[in-house]
C-alpha atoms as a PDB file:
ATOM      1  CA  MET A   1      15.989  15.418   2.890  1.00  0.00           C
ATOM      2  CA  PRO A   2      13.437  14.037   5.350  1.00  0.00           C
ATOM      3  CA  TYR A   3      10.927  11.408   4.278  1.00  0.00           C
ATOM      4  CA  ARG A   4       7.522  10.870   5.873  1.00  0.00           C
ATOM      5  CA  ILE A   5       5.088   7.964   5.734  1.00  0.00           C
ATOM      6  CA  PHE A   6       1.534   8.818   4.714  1.00  0.00           C
ATOM      7  CA  LYS A   7      -1.453   6.502   4.913  1.00  0.00           C
ATOM      8  CA  GLN A   8      -4.619   6.378   2.888  1.00  0.00           C
ATOM      9  CA  LEU A   9      -7.397   8.293   4.629  1.00  0.00           C
ATOM     10  CA  LEU A  10      -9.985   5.603   3.913  1.00  0.00           C
ATOM     11  CA  PRO A  11      -9.561   2.291   2.142  1.00  0.00           C
ATOM     12  CA  SER A  12     -10.924   2.393  -1.377  1.00  0.00           C
ATOM     13  CA  PRO A  13     -14.028   0.274  -1.775  1.00  0.00           C
ATOM     14  CA  THR A  14     -14.218  -2.189  -4.613  1.00  0.00           C
ATOM     15  CA  SER A  15     -17.950  -2.717  -4.430  1.00  0.00           C
ATOM     16  CA  SER A  16     -21.027  -1.493  -2.655  1.00  0.00           C
ATOM     17  CA  VAL A  17     -24.300  -2.953  -1.439  1.00  0.00           C
ATOM     18  CA  ASP A  18     -27.596  -1.089  -1.568  1.00  0.00           C
ATOM     19  CA  ARG A  19     -30.473  -1.506   0.883  1.00  0.00           C
ATOM     20  CA  ASN A  20     -32.012  -4.247  -1.303  1.00  0.00           C
ATOM     21  CA  GLY A  21     -28.860  -6.330  -1.011  1.00  0.00           C
ATOM     22  CA  GLU A  22     -27.778  -5.771  -4.608  1.00  0.00           C
ATOM     23  CA  THR A  23     -24.056  -5.252  -5.205  1.00  0.00           C
ATOM     24  CA  TRP A  24     -22.154  -3.384  -7.898  1.00  0.00           C
ATOM     25  CA  THR A  25     -18.564  -2.482  -8.614  1.00  0.00           C
ATOM     26  CA  ASP A  26     -17.630   1.102  -7.849  1.00  0.00           C
ATOM     27  CA  PRO A  27     -16.488   3.182 -10.832  1.00  0.00           C
ATOM     28  CA  GLU A  28     -12.814   4.101 -11.221  1.00  0.00           C
ATOM     29  CA  TRP A  29     -13.491   7.752 -10.315  1.00  0.00           C
ATOM     30  CA  ALA A  30     -14.692   6.677  -6.838  1.00  0.00           C
ATOM     31  CA  SER A  31     -11.177   5.751  -5.677  1.00  0.00           C
ATOM     32  CA  ARG A  32      -9.874   7.665  -2.671  1.00  0.00           C
ATOM     33  CA  ASP A  33      -6.397   9.033  -3.293  1.00  0.00           C
ATOM     34  CA  ILE A  34      -6.194  11.090  -0.103  1.00  0.00           C
ATOM     35  CA  TYR A  35      -3.196  10.418   2.134  1.00  0.00           C
ATOM     36  CA  VAL A  36      -2.510  11.842   5.601  1.00  0.00           C
ATOM     37  CA  ALA A  37       0.371  11.643   8.067  1.00  0.00           C
ATOM     38  CA  LYS A  38      -2.147  11.149  10.887  1.00  0.00           C
ATOM     39  CA  LEU A  39      -5.826  11.673  11.521  1.00  0.00           C
ATOM     40  CA  SER A  40      -6.801  15.035  12.962  1.00  0.00           C
ATOM     41  CA  GLY A  41      -7.149  14.957  16.729  1.00  0.00           C
ATOM     42  CA  SER A  42      -5.651  11.489  17.042  1.00  0.00           C
ATOM     43  CA  SER A  43      -2.641  10.443  19.075  1.00  0.00           C
ATOM     44  CA  GLU A  44      -1.137   8.514  16.152  1.00  0.00           C
ATOM     45  CA  GLN A  45       2.577   8.784  15.629  1.00  0.00           C
ATOM     46  CA  ILE A  46       3.955  10.636  12.611  1.00  0.00           C
ATOM     47  CA  TRP A  47       6.682   8.517  11.020  1.00  0.00           C
ATOM     48  CA  GLU A  48       9.428  10.793   9.623  1.00  0.00           C
ATOM     49  CA  TYR A  49      13.015   9.868   8.822  1.00  0.00           C
ATOM     50  CA  SER A  50      16.066  11.967   8.019  1.00  0.00           C
ATOM     51  CA  GLY A  51      19.718  11.232   7.396  1.00  0.00           C
ATOM     52  CA  SER A  52      21.663   9.331   4.779  1.00  0.00           C
ATOM     53  CA  ASP A  53      19.365   6.266   4.799  1.00  0.00           C
ATOM     54  CA  ALA A  54      16.101   8.162   5.350  1.00  0.00           C
ATOM     55  CA  GLN A  55      14.303   6.923   2.253  1.00  0.00           C
ATOM     56  CA  ALA A  56      15.310   3.294   2.834  1.00  0.00           C
ATOM     57  CA  ASP A  57      14.354   3.483   6.529  1.00  0.00           C
ATOM     58  CA  ALA A  58      10.979   5.046   5.697  1.00  0.00           C
ATOM     59  CA  THR A  59      10.314   2.410   3.037  1.00  0.00           C
ATOM     60  CA  THR A  60      11.137  -0.388   5.483  1.00  0.00           C
ATOM     61  CA  LYS A  61       8.731   1.072   8.063  1.00  0.00           C
ATOM     62  CA  MET A  62       6.051   1.631   5.410  1.00  0.00           C
ATOM     63  CA  ASN A  63       6.259  -2.052   4.452  1.00  0.00           C
ATOM     64  CA  ALA A  64       5.938  -3.071   8.108  1.00  0.00           C
ATOM     65  CA  LEU A  65       2.904  -0.811   8.597  1.00  0.00           C
ATOM     66  CA  THR A  66       1.289  -2.116   5.414  1.00  0.00           C
ATOM     67  CA  GLY A  67       1.769  -5.704   6.537  1.00  0.00           C
ATOM     68  CA  SER A  68       0.191  -5.083   9.935  1.00  0.00           C
ATOM     69  CA  ASP A  69      -2.786  -2.954   8.805  1.00  0.00           C
ATOM     70  CA  ASP A  70      -6.001  -4.987   8.744  1.00  0.00           C
ATOM     71  CA  THR A  71      -8.007  -2.170   7.063  1.00  0.00           C
ATOM     72  CA  ASP A  72      -6.277  -2.647   3.672  1.00  0.00           C
ATOM     73  CA  ARG A  73      -5.137   0.974   3.633  1.00  0.00           C
ATOM     74  CA  LEU A  74      -2.349   1.910   1.283  1.00  0.00           C
ATOM     75  CA  TYR A  75       0.807   3.626   2.537  1.00  0.00           C
ATOM     76  CA  LYS A  76       3.394   5.685   0.707  1.00  0.00           C
ATOM     77  CA  VAL A  77       6.649   7.481   1.414  1.00  0.00           C
ATOM     78  CA  MET A  78       7.033  11.092   0.359  1.00  0.00           C
ATOM     79  CA  GLU A  79       9.866  13.556   0.629  1.00  0.00           C
ATOM     80  CA  VAL A  80       8.910  16.515   2.844  1.00  0.00           C
END
């Protein structure tokens, strides 16, 4: 079965600041659990692996992408 790497659409905020400069912690329901293979209209690569080591290869690449992403997005591997 092929495995594909998906990334979080937007990083989940942990707090917000209003126009008066006051901060608060976002509620649990405000988390963003939306994952995409790539953004619509972008030239991003879709990372998909197949073969006997597909899941391990996809997990290795997911870890590399996570380590190099400065936006704190989450990544996950899913069977497609």
